[in-house]
Amino acid sequence: MRTIPFLLLVAAPFGFAADAKPDLTPAEAQQVIQKFAAKESEFALARENYTYHQTVKIQEVDGGGKYELVSDIIFSANGKRTEKIVRAPANTLKQIILTPEDEQDLRSVQPFVLTSKDVDQYNVTYLGRETLDEISCYSFSVKPKKMEHGKRYFQGTIWVDDRDLQIVKSYGRATGILKKGSDNQFAKFETFREQIDGKYWFPTFTTAADTLNFKDNSVRIKMSVRYEDYKLFKSETKITFGDAVDNSPSQTIQKAPPLPPKK
């Protein structure tokens, strides 16, 4: 974000309990990294076949300005994946403006997926075992090795289910190379996933509450992104204009930590 002179901390992390299972050796940790990156690759491909409903809300805590965007990620009549804007009230933000980097972060960094293709771009360090709301997890520190102009990266901590070997939570911030002199600030965020249709863990909620310290002022912001109503798109279904979503009910089999209530 850039001050008009965004984005994203997070609610305090959930409490963790010690896990009685044996810890990983360095060699085992590297094997787990490769395995969960492979599972994340499967998930990334699978998610491209799902439709879902997304609600983005950003609020200036002191200035009172708000931004909201409600959209459906669907398939068009010709089967092309697209975003349909459902509701977009007037943007009343006064102290910050959304930049192209913020928009890119909303699409790809906040719902962070670490695939086999991307894992070599990061230093992934095993931190240990933790129990996250009764889910036994491996925790890893993730930091980009080097950054290229025009690309956005995640930096922070991820928690990986030790059974499904998929990310169930991520906590950190988006980063990247900015133009010289840019005063673009990015707050920390926390993204939770839930297991959808009994197989993959999908992002369902991102939250942030942080102070963005610009050169001339500081701005407190709150942000939330909800990803809801995941449905698998049936390619064999004949689609007509305006009927892009398969209406068969989705199934949530297992949930990650409880999410804050809707506001």
C-alpha atoms as a PDB file:
ATOM      1  CA  MET A   1       0.000   0.000   0.000  1.00  0.00           C
ATOM      2  CA  ARG A   2       0.981   3.473  -0.494  1.00  0.00           C
ATOM      3  CA  THR A   3      -0.127   6.317   1.667  1.00  0.00           C
ATOM      4  CA  ILE A   4      -1.841   9.209   0.008  1.00  0.00           C
ATOM      5  CA  PRO A   5       0.542  10.978   1.632  1.00  0.00           C
ATOM      6  CA  PHE A   6      -1.964  -1.343   2.466  1.00  0.00           C
ATOM      7  CA  LEU A   7      -2.227  -3.807   3.580  1.00  0.00           C
ATOM      8  CA  LEU A   8      -1.911  -6.078   5.867  1.00  0.00           C
ATOM      9  CA  LEU A   9      -1.102  -8.189  11.438  1.00  0.00           C
ATOM     10  CA  VAL A  10      -2.936 -10.305  12.590  1.00  0.00           C
ATOM     11  CA  ALA A  11      -4.898 -11.390  15.394  1.00  0.00           C
ATOM     12  CA  ALA A  12      -2.729 -12.994  18.005  1.00  0.00           C
ATOM     13  CA  PRO A  13      -1.647 -16.467  16.925  1.00  0.00           C
ATOM     14  CA  PHE A  14      -3.533 -19.391  18.341  1.00  0.00           C
ATOM     15  CA  GLY A  15      -1.967 -21.110  21.290  1.00  0.00           C
ATOM     16  CA  PHE A  16       0.236 -24.079  20.575  1.00  0.00           C
ATOM     17  CA  ALA A  17       0.735 -27.235  22.580  1.00  0.00           C
ATOM     18  CA  ALA A  18       3.730 -29.525  22.606  1.00  0.00           C
ATOM     19  CA  ASP A  19       3.423 -32.561  20.394  1.00  0.00           C
ATOM     20  CA  ALA A  20       4.495 -35.922  21.769  1.00  0.00           C
ATOM     21  CA  LYS A  21       5.478 -37.291  18.372  1.00  0.00           C
ATOM     22  CA  PRO A  22       9.212 -37.564  17.617  1.00  0.00           C
ATOM     23  CA  ASP A  23      10.799 -34.547  15.969  1.00  0.00           C
ATOM     24  CA  LEU A  24      12.187 -34.634  12.436  1.00  0.00           C
ATOM     25  CA  THR A  25      15.849 -35.068  11.665  1.00  0.00           C
ATOM     26  CA  PRO A  26      17.312 -32.616   9.105  1.00  0.00           C
ATOM     27  CA  ALA A  27      17.123 -35.304   6.409  1.00  0.00           C
ATOM     28  CA  GLU A  28      13.516 -36.123   7.276  1.00  0.00           C
ATOM     29  CA  ALA A  29      12.619 -32.422   7.244  1.00  0.00           C
ATOM     30  CA  GLN A  30      13.946 -32.080   3.695  1.00  0.00           C
ATOM     31  CA  GLN A  31      11.878 -35.092   2.624  1.00  0.00           C
ATOM     32  CA  VAL A  32       8.757 -33.561   4.182  1.00  0.00           C
ATOM     33  CA  ILE A  33       9.403 -30.265   2.373  1.00  0.00           C
ATOM     34  CA  GLN A  34       9.573 -32.023  -0.989  1.00  0.00           C
ATOM     35  CA  LYS A  35       6.471 -34.097  -0.208  1.00  0.00           C
ATOM     36  CA  PHE A  36       4.301 -31.202   0.932  1.00  0.00           C
ATOM     37  CA  ALA A  37       5.436 -29.092  -2.037  1.00  0.00           C
ATOM     38  CA  ALA A  38       4.256 -31.920  -4.310  1.00  0.00           C
ATOM     39  CA  LYS A  39       0.896 -32.033  -2.504  1.00  0.00           C
ATOM     40  CA  GLU A  40       0.623 -28.255  -2.791  1.00  0.00           C
ATOM     41  CA  SER A  41       1.221 -28.599  -6.544  1.00  0.00           C
ATOM     42  CA  GLU A  42      -1.707 -31.027  -6.745  1.00  0.00           C
ATOM     43  CA  PHE A  43      -3.837 -28.603  -4.759  1.00  0.00           C
ATOM     44  CA  ALA A  44      -2.923 -25.628  -6.947  1.00  0.00           C
ATOM     45  CA  LEU A  45      -4.124 -27.512 -10.026  1.00  0.00           C
ATOM     46  CA  ALA A  46      -7.272 -28.721  -8.269  1.00  0.00           C
ATOM     47  CA  ARG A  47      -8.205 -25.233  -7.048  1.00  0.00           C
ATOM     48  CA  GLU A  48      -8.279 -24.000 -10.634  1.00  0.00           C
ATOM     49  CA  ASN A  49     -11.318 -26.266 -11.129  1.00  0.00           C
ATOM     50  CA  TYR A  50     -13.297 -24.771  -8.246  1.00  0.00           C
ATOM     51  CA  THR A  51     -15.601 -21.782  -8.159  1.00  0.00           C
ATOM     52  CA  TYR A  52     -15.905 -19.737  -4.972  1.00  0.00           C
ATOM     53  CA  HIS A  53     -17.249 -16.529  -3.446  1.00  0.00           C
ATOM     54  CA  GLN A  54     -14.753 -13.914  -2.204  1.00  0.00           C
ATOM     55  CA  THR A  55     -15.285 -10.891   0.040  1.00  0.00           C
ATOM     56  CA  VAL A  56     -12.498  -8.344   0.617  1.00  0.00           C
ATOM     57  CA  LYS A  57     -12.845  -5.672   3.298  1.00  0.00           C
ATOM     58  CA  ILE A  58     -10.289  -3.025   4.271  1.00  0.00           C
ATOM     59  CA  GLN A  59     -10.832  -0.383   6.925  1.00  0.00           C
ATOM     60  CA  GLU A  60      -8.852   2.618   8.161  1.00  0.00           C
ATOM     61  CA  VAL A  61      -9.193   2.299  11.937  1.00  0.00           C
ATOM     62  CA  ASP A  62      -8.850   6.015  12.708  1.00  0.00           C
ATOM     63  CA  GLY A  63      -9.847   7.655   9.433  1.00  0.00           C
ATOM     64  CA  GLY A  64     -13.030   5.653   8.974  1.00  0.00           C
ATOM     65  CA  GLY A  65     -12.433   4.989   5.279  1.00  0.00           C
ATOM     66  CA  LYS A  66     -13.542   1.650   3.876  1.00  0.00           C
ATOM     67  CA  TYR A  67     -13.025  -0.516   0.837  1.00  0.00           C
ATOM     68  CA  GLU A  68     -15.121  -3.570  -0.032  1.00  0.00           C
ATOM     69  CA  LEU A  69     -15.206  -5.870  -3.020  1.00  0.00           C
ATOM     70  CA  VAL A  70     -17.473  -8.912  -3.308  1.00  0.00           C
ATOM     71  CA  SER A  71     -16.893 -11.193  -6.275  1.00  0.00           C
ATOM     72  CA  ASP A  72     -17.504 -14.689  -7.603  1.00  0.00           C
ATOM     73  CA  ILE A  73     -14.659 -16.654  -9.157  1.00  0.00           C
ATOM     74  CA  ILE A  74     -16.523 -18.599 -11.826  1.00  0.00           C
ATOM     75  CA  PHE A  75     -16.288 -20.097 -15.288  1.00  0.00           C
ATOM     76  CA  SER A  76     -17.739 -18.162 -18.199  1.00  0.00           C
ATOM     77  CA  ALA A  77     -20.123 -19.639 -20.749  1.00  0.00           C
ATOM     78  CA  ASN A  78     -17.161 -20.765 -22.858  1.00  0.00           C
ATOM     79  CA  GLY A  79     -15.464 -22.417 -19.856  1.00  0.00           C
ATOM     80  CA  LYS A  80     -12.925 -19.669 -19.148  1.00  0.00           C
ATOM     81  CA  ARG A  81     -12.111 -18.922 -15.505  1.00  0.00           C
ATOM     82  CA  THR A  82     -13.113 -15.366 -14.663  1.00  0.00           C
ATOM     83  CA  GLU A  83     -14.035 -13.004 -11.844  1.00  0.00           C
ATOM     84  CA  LYS A  84     -17.554 -11.604 -11.672  1.00  0.00           C
ATOM     85  CA  ILE A  85     -18.006  -8.530  -9.501  1.00  0.00           C
ATOM     86  CA  VAL A  86     -21.071  -8.963  -7.275  1.00  0.00           C
ATOM     87  CA  ARG A  87     -20.834  -5.797  -5.217  1.00  0.00           C
ATOM     88  CA  ALA A  88     -18.386  -2.899  -5.090  1.00  0.00           C
ATOM     89  CA  PRO A  89     -19.493  -0.005  -2.856  1.00  0.00           C
ATOM     90  CA  ALA A  90     -17.772   3.341  -3.254  1.00  0.00           C
ATOM     91  CA  ASN A  91     -14.169   3.314  -2.049  1.00  0.00           C
ATOM     92  CA  THR A  92     -13.947   5.782   0.860  1.00  0.00           C
ATOM     93  CA  LEU A  93     -10.318   5.183   1.906  1.00  0.00           C
ATOM     94  CA  LYS A  94      -8.701   8.533   2.709  1.00  0.00           C
ATOM     95  CA  GLN A  95      -5.278   7.720   4.130  1.00  0.00           C
ATOM     96  CA  ILE A  96      -4.135   4.851   1.922  1.00  0.00           C
ATOM     97  CA  ILE A  97      -4.563   3.728  -1.663  1.00  0.00           C
ATOM     98  CA  LEU A  98      -4.380   0.222  -3.044  1.00  0.00           C
ATOM     99  CA  THR A  99      -1.471  -0.361  -5.381  1.00  0.00           C
ATOM    100  CA  PRO A 100      -0.896  -3.015  -8.069  1.00  0.00           C
ATOM    101  CA  GLU A 101       1.281  -4.853  -5.531  1.00  0.00           C
ATOM    102  CA  ASP A 102      -1.646  -5.017  -3.095  1.00  0.00           C
ATOM    103  CA  GLU A 103      -3.896  -6.444  -5.796  1.00  0.00           C
ATOM    104  CA  GLN A 104      -1.261  -9.036  -6.696  1.00  0.00           C
ATOM    105  CA  ASP A 105      -0.886  -9.985  -3.017  1.00  0.00           C
ATOM    106  CA  LEU A 106      -4.643 -10.503  -2.692  1.00  0.00           C
ATOM    107  CA  ARG A 107      -4.593 -12.913  -5.632  1.00  0.00           C
ATOM    108  CA  SER A 108      -1.459 -14.933  -4.973  1.00  0.00           C
ATOM    109  CA  VAL A 109       0.454 -14.188  -1.755  1.00  0.00           C
ATOM    110  CA  GLN A 110      -2.234 -14.119   0.921  1.00  0.00           C
ATOM    111  CA  PRO A 111      -3.743 -17.472  -0.181  1.00  0.00           C
ATOM    112  CA  PHE A 112      -0.130 -18.733  -0.216  1.00  0.00           C
ATOM    113  CA  VAL A 113       0.585 -22.021  -1.989  1.00  0.00           C
ATOM    114  CA  LEU A 114       4.147 -23.406  -2.025  1.00  0.00           C
ATOM    115  CA  THR A 115       4.432 -25.736  -5.007  1.00  0.00           C
ATOM    116  CA  SER A 116       7.313 -27.884  -6.251  1.00  0.00           C
ATOM    117  CA  LYS A 117       7.883 -25.302  -8.973  1.00  0.00           C
ATOM    118  CA  ASP A 118       8.323 -22.482  -6.462  1.00  0.00           C
ATOM    119  CA  VAL A 119       9.886 -24.160  -3.426  1.00  0.00           C
ATOM    120  CA  ASP A 120      13.453 -23.717  -4.701  1.00  0.00           C
ATOM    121  CA  GLN A 121      12.894 -19.948  -4.704  1.00  0.00           C
ATOM    122  CA  TYR A 122      12.653 -20.004  -0.907  1.00  0.00           C
ATOM    123  CA  ASN A 123      14.765 -20.894   2.087  1.00  0.00           C
ATOM    124  CA  VAL A 124      12.448 -23.284   3.934  1.00  0.00           C
ATOM    125  CA  THR A 125      13.664 -24.018   7.471  1.00  0.00           C
ATOM    126  CA  TYR A 126      12.103 -26.602   9.750  1.00  0.00           C
ATOM    127  CA  LEU A 127      11.136 -25.084  13.112  1.00  0.00           C
ATOM    128  CA  GLY A 128       9.595 -28.060  14.889  1.00  0.00           C
ATOM    129  CA  ARG A 129       6.305 -29.749  15.687  1.00  0.00           C
ATOM    130  CA  GLU A 130       3.296 -27.838  16.958  1.00  0.00           C
ATOM    131  CA  THR A 131      -0.316 -28.697  17.641  1.00  0.00           C
ATOM    132  CA  LEU A 132      -2.653 -26.173  16.072  1.00  0.00           C
ATOM    133  CA  ASP A 133      -6.161 -26.525  17.494  1.00  0.00           C
ATOM    134  CA  GLU A 134      -5.705 -30.312  17.832  1.00  0.00           C
ATOM    135  CA  ILE A 135      -4.117 -30.585  14.376  1.00  0.00           C
ATOM    136  CA  SER A 136      -0.613 -32.039  14.538  1.00  0.00           C
ATOM    137  CA  CYS A 137       1.627 -29.890  12.323  1.00  0.00           C
ATOM    138  CA  TYR A 138       5.153 -29.268  11.176  1.00  0.00           C
ATOM    139  CA  SER A 139       6.089 -25.579  11.240  1.00  0.00           C
ATOM    140  CA  PHE A 140       8.502 -24.027   8.761  1.00  0.00           C
ATOM    141  CA  SER A 141      10.074 -20.615   8.289  1.00  0.00           C
ATOM    142  CA  VAL A 142       9.775 -19.454   4.672  1.00  0.00           C
ATOM    143  CA  LYS A 143      11.887 -16.676   3.176  1.00  0.00           C
ATOM    144  CA  PRO A 144      12.668 -15.842  -0.478  1.00  0.00           C
ATOM    145  CA  LYS A 145      16.264 -16.587  -1.505  1.00  0.00           C
ATOM    146  CA  LYS A 146      16.357 -13.705  -3.938  1.00  0.00           C
ATOM    147  CA  MET A 147      13.727 -11.495  -5.507  1.00  0.00           C
ATOM    148  CA  GLU A 148      13.015 -10.481  -9.077  1.00  0.00           C
ATOM    149  CA  HIS A 149      11.421  -7.249 -10.237  1.00  0.00           C
ATOM    150  CA  GLY A 150       7.678  -7.563 -10.788  1.00  0.00           C
ATOM    151  CA  LYS A 151       7.237 -10.667  -8.607  1.00  0.00           C
ATOM    152  CA  ARG A 152       5.693 -10.873  -5.163  1.00  0.00           C
ATOM    153  CA  TYR A 153       6.785 -13.300  -2.446  1.00  0.00           C
ATOM    154  CA  PHE A 154       5.681 -14.621   0.937  1.00  0.00           C
ATOM    155  CA  GLN A 155       7.884 -14.289   4.007  1.00  0.00           C
ATOM    156  CA  GLY A 156       6.856 -15.790   7.328  1.00  0.00           C
ATOM    157  CA  THR A 157       5.789 -19.103   8.883  1.00  0.00           C
ATOM    158  CA  ILE A 158       3.647 -21.926   7.553  1.00  0.00           C
ATOM    159  CA  TRP A 159       2.056 -24.847   9.377  1.00  0.00           C
ATOM    160  CA  VAL A 160       1.765 -28.139   7.499  1.00  0.00           C
ATOM    161  CA  ASP A 161      -0.620 -30.931   8.552  1.00  0.00           C
ATOM    162  CA  ASP A 162       1.658 -33.897   9.334  1.00  0.00           C
ATOM    163  CA  ARG A 163      -0.899 -36.346   7.916  1.00  0.00           C
ATOM    164  CA  ASP A 164      -2.140 -34.652   4.729  1.00  0.00           C
ATOM    165  CA  LEU A 165       1.129 -32.749   4.175  1.00  0.00           C
ATOM    166  CA  GLN A 166      -0.647 -29.559   3.140  1.00  0.00           C
ATOM    167  CA  ILE A 167      -0.480 -26.035   4.495  1.00  0.00           C
ATOM    168  CA  VAL A 168      -3.245 -25.358   7.031  1.00  0.00           C
ATOM    169  CA  LYS A 169      -2.134 -21.894   8.124  1.00  0.00           C
ATOM    170  CA  SER A 170       0.321 -19.190   7.073  1.00  0.00           C
ATOM    171  CA  TYR A 171       1.440 -16.087   8.967  1.00  0.00           C
ATOM    172  CA  GLY A 172       3.694 -13.398   7.552  1.00  0.00           C
ATOM    173  CA  ARG A 173       3.785 -10.627   5.000  1.00  0.00           C
ATOM    174  CA  ALA A 174       4.125 -10.074   1.274  1.00  0.00           C
ATOM    175  CA  THR A 175       7.423  -8.746   0.010  1.00  0.00           C
ATOM    176  CA  GLY A 176       9.163  -7.886  -3.253  1.00  0.00           C
ATOM    177  CA  ILE A 177      11.371  -5.344  -4.988  1.00  0.00           C
ATOM    178  CA  LEU A 178       9.768  -1.906  -5.124  1.00  0.00           C
ATOM    179  CA  LYS A 179      10.565   1.054  -7.329  1.00  0.00           C
ATOM    180  CA  LYS A 180      13.190   3.413  -5.986  1.00  0.00           C
ATOM    181  CA  GLY A 181      11.630   5.953  -3.672  1.00  0.00           C
ATOM    182  CA  SER A 182       8.422   3.976  -3.226  1.00  0.00           C
ATOM    183  CA  ASP A 183       6.678   4.336   0.135  1.00  0.00           C
ATOM    184  CA  ASN A 184       4.594   1.188  -0.249  1.00  0.00           C
ATOM    185  CA  GLN A 185       3.981  -0.633   3.046  1.00  0.00           C
ATOM    186  CA  PHE A 186       2.615  -4.147   3.607  1.00  0.00           C
ATOM    187  CA  ALA A 187       1.230  -5.414   6.903  1.00  0.00           C
ATOM    188  CA  LYS A 188       1.395  -8.917   8.302  1.00  0.00           C
ATOM    189  CA  PHE A 189      -1.483 -11.263   7.606  1.00  0.00           C
ATOM    190  CA  GLU A 190      -2.737 -14.630   8.784  1.00  0.00           C
ATOM    191  CA  THR A 191      -4.453 -17.076   6.427  1.00  0.00           C
ATOM    192  CA  PHE A 192      -6.426 -20.100   7.552  1.00  0.00           C
ATOM    193  CA  ARG A 193      -7.412 -23.113   5.483  1.00  0.00           C
ATOM    194  CA  GLU A 194     -10.141 -25.720   5.767  1.00  0.00           C
ATOM    195  CA  GLN A 195     -10.336 -29.151   4.219  1.00  0.00           C
ATOM    196  CA  ILE A 196     -12.850 -29.110   1.383  1.00  0.00           C
ATOM    197  CA  ASP A 197     -14.382 -32.233  -0.176  1.00  0.00           C
ATOM    198  CA  GLY A 198     -12.264 -34.460   2.063  1.00  0.00           C
ATOM    199  CA  LYS A 199      -9.015 -34.031   0.154  1.00  0.00           C
ATOM    200  CA  TYR A 200      -7.487 -30.564  -0.174  1.00  0.00           C
ATOM    201  CA  TRP A 201      -7.033 -27.726   2.310  1.00  0.00           C
ATOM    202  CA  PHE A 202      -8.410 -24.506   0.787  1.00  0.00           C
ATOM    203  CA  PRO A 203      -7.834 -20.910   1.996  1.00  0.00           C
ATOM    204  CA  THR A 204     -11.028 -19.767   3.715  1.00  0.00           C
ATOM    205  CA  PHE A 205     -10.070 -16.680   5.700  1.00  0.00           C
ATOM    206  CA  THR A 206      -7.310 -14.054   5.747  1.00  0.00           C
ATOM    207  CA  THR A 207      -7.122 -11.456   8.509  1.00  0.00           C
ATOM    208  CA  ALA A 208      -4.865  -8.485   9.243  1.00  0.00           C
ATOM    209  CA  ALA A 209      -4.716  -5.717  11.833  1.00  0.00           C
ATOM    210  CA  ASP A 210      -1.568  -3.641  11.700  1.00  0.00           C
ATOM    211  CA  THR A 211      -0.043  -0.174  11.623  1.00  0.00           C
ATOM    212  CA  LEU A 212       1.532   0.878   8.323  1.00  0.00           C
ATOM    213  CA  ASN A 213       4.438   3.205   9.040  1.00  0.00           C
ATOM    214  CA  PHE A 214       4.881   5.537   6.083  1.00  0.00           C
ATOM    215  CA  LYS A 215       7.520   8.255   5.784  1.00  0.00           C
ATOM    216  CA  ASP A 216       5.187  11.043   6.830  1.00  0.00           C
ATOM    217  CA  ASN A 217       2.545   9.296   8.915  1.00  0.00           C
ATOM    218  CA  SER A 218       1.297   6.003  10.341  1.00  0.00           C
ATOM    219  CA  VAL A 219      -2.037   4.424   9.463  1.00  0.00           C
ATOM    220  CA  ARG A 220      -3.806   1.667  11.385  1.00  0.00           C
ATOM    221  CA  ILE A 221      -5.737  -0.714   9.186  1.00  0.00           C
ATOM    222  CA  LYS A 222      -7.855  -3.835   9.445  1.00  0.00           C
ATOM    223  CA  MET A 223      -8.408  -6.239   6.609  1.00  0.00           C
ATOM    224  CA  SER A 224     -10.276  -9.477   6.006  1.00  0.00           C
ATOM    225  CA  VAL A 225     -10.736 -11.753   3.026  1.00  0.00           C
ATOM    226  CA  ARG A 226     -13.269 -14.569   3.066  1.00  0.00           C
ATOM    227  CA  TYR A 227     -13.216 -17.376   0.499  1.00  0.00           C
ATOM    228  CA  GLU A 228     -16.538 -19.209   0.671  1.00  0.00           C
ATOM    229  CA  ASP A 229     -18.838 -21.658  -1.071  1.00  0.00           C
ATOM    230  CA  TYR A 230     -16.207 -23.677  -2.917  1.00  0.00           C
ATOM    231  CA  LYS A 231     -17.792 -25.836  -5.602  1.00  0.00           C
ATOM    232  CA  LEU A 232     -16.120 -28.178  -8.046  1.00  0.00           C
ATOM    233  CA  PHE A 233     -16.744 -27.143 -11.639  1.00  0.00           C
ATOM    234  CA  LYS A 234     -18.062 -30.070 -13.683  1.00  0.00           C
ATOM    235  CA  SER A 235     -16.552 -29.803 -17.129  1.00  0.00           C
ATOM    236  CA  GLU A 236     -18.987 -32.279 -18.547  1.00  0.00           C
ATOM    237  CA  THR A 237     -21.909 -30.042 -17.599  1.00  0.00           C
ATOM    238  CA  LYS A 238     -23.363 -28.000 -20.437  1.00  0.00           C
ATOM    239  CA  ILE A 239     -23.096 -24.345 -19.524  1.00  0.00           C
ATOM    240  CA  THR A 240     -25.317 -21.532 -20.724  1.00  0.00           C
ATOM    241  CA  PHE A 241     -24.772 -17.818 -20.282  1.00  0.00           C
ATOM    242  CA  GLY A 242     -25.213 -16.759 -16.673  1.00  0.00           C
ATOM    243  CA  ASP A 243     -25.080 -20.333 -15.369  1.00  0.00           C
ATOM    244  CA  ALA A 244     -21.371 -20.720 -14.709  1.00  0.00           C
ATOM    245  CA  VAL A 245     -21.411 -22.346 -11.303  1.00  0.00           C
ATOM    246  CA  ASP A 246     -22.137 -25.963 -10.473  1.00  0.00           C
ATOM    247  CA  ASN A 247     -24.668 -25.820  -7.656  1.00  0.00           C
ATOM    248  CA  SER A 248     -23.889 -29.171  -6.074  1.00  0.00           C
ATOM    249  CA  PRO A 249     -23.108 -28.631  -2.374  1.00  0.00           C
ATOM    250  CA  SER A 250     -19.517 -28.528  -1.249  1.00  0.00           C
ATOM    251  CA  GLN A 251     -18.396 -30.512   1.784  1.00  0.00           C
ATOM    252  CA  THR A 252     -16.158 -29.328   4.594  1.00  0.00           C
ATOM    253  CA  ILE A 253     -14.687 -32.440   6.164  1.00  0.00           C
ATOM    254  CA  GLN A 254     -12.173 -31.016   8.599  1.00  0.00           C
ATOM    255  CA  LYS A 255     -11.566 -27.494   9.773  1.00  0.00           C
ATOM    256  CA  ALA A 256      -8.480 -25.561  10.708  1.00  0.00           C
ATOM    257  CA  PRO A 257      -8.515 -23.279  13.818  1.00  0.00           C
ATOM    258  CA  PRO A 258     -11.844 -21.495  14.484  1.00  0.00           C
ATOM    259  CA  LEU A 259     -12.241 -18.317  12.446  1.00  0.00           C
ATOM    260  CA  PRO A 260     -13.270 -14.935  13.825  1.00  0.00           C
ATOM    261  CA  PRO A 261     -16.988 -14.188  13.421  1.00  0.00           C
ATOM    262  CA  LYS A 262     -18.216 -12.307  10.386  1.00  0.00           C
ATOM    263  CA  LYS A 263     -18.593  -8.589  10.831  1.00  0.00           C
END
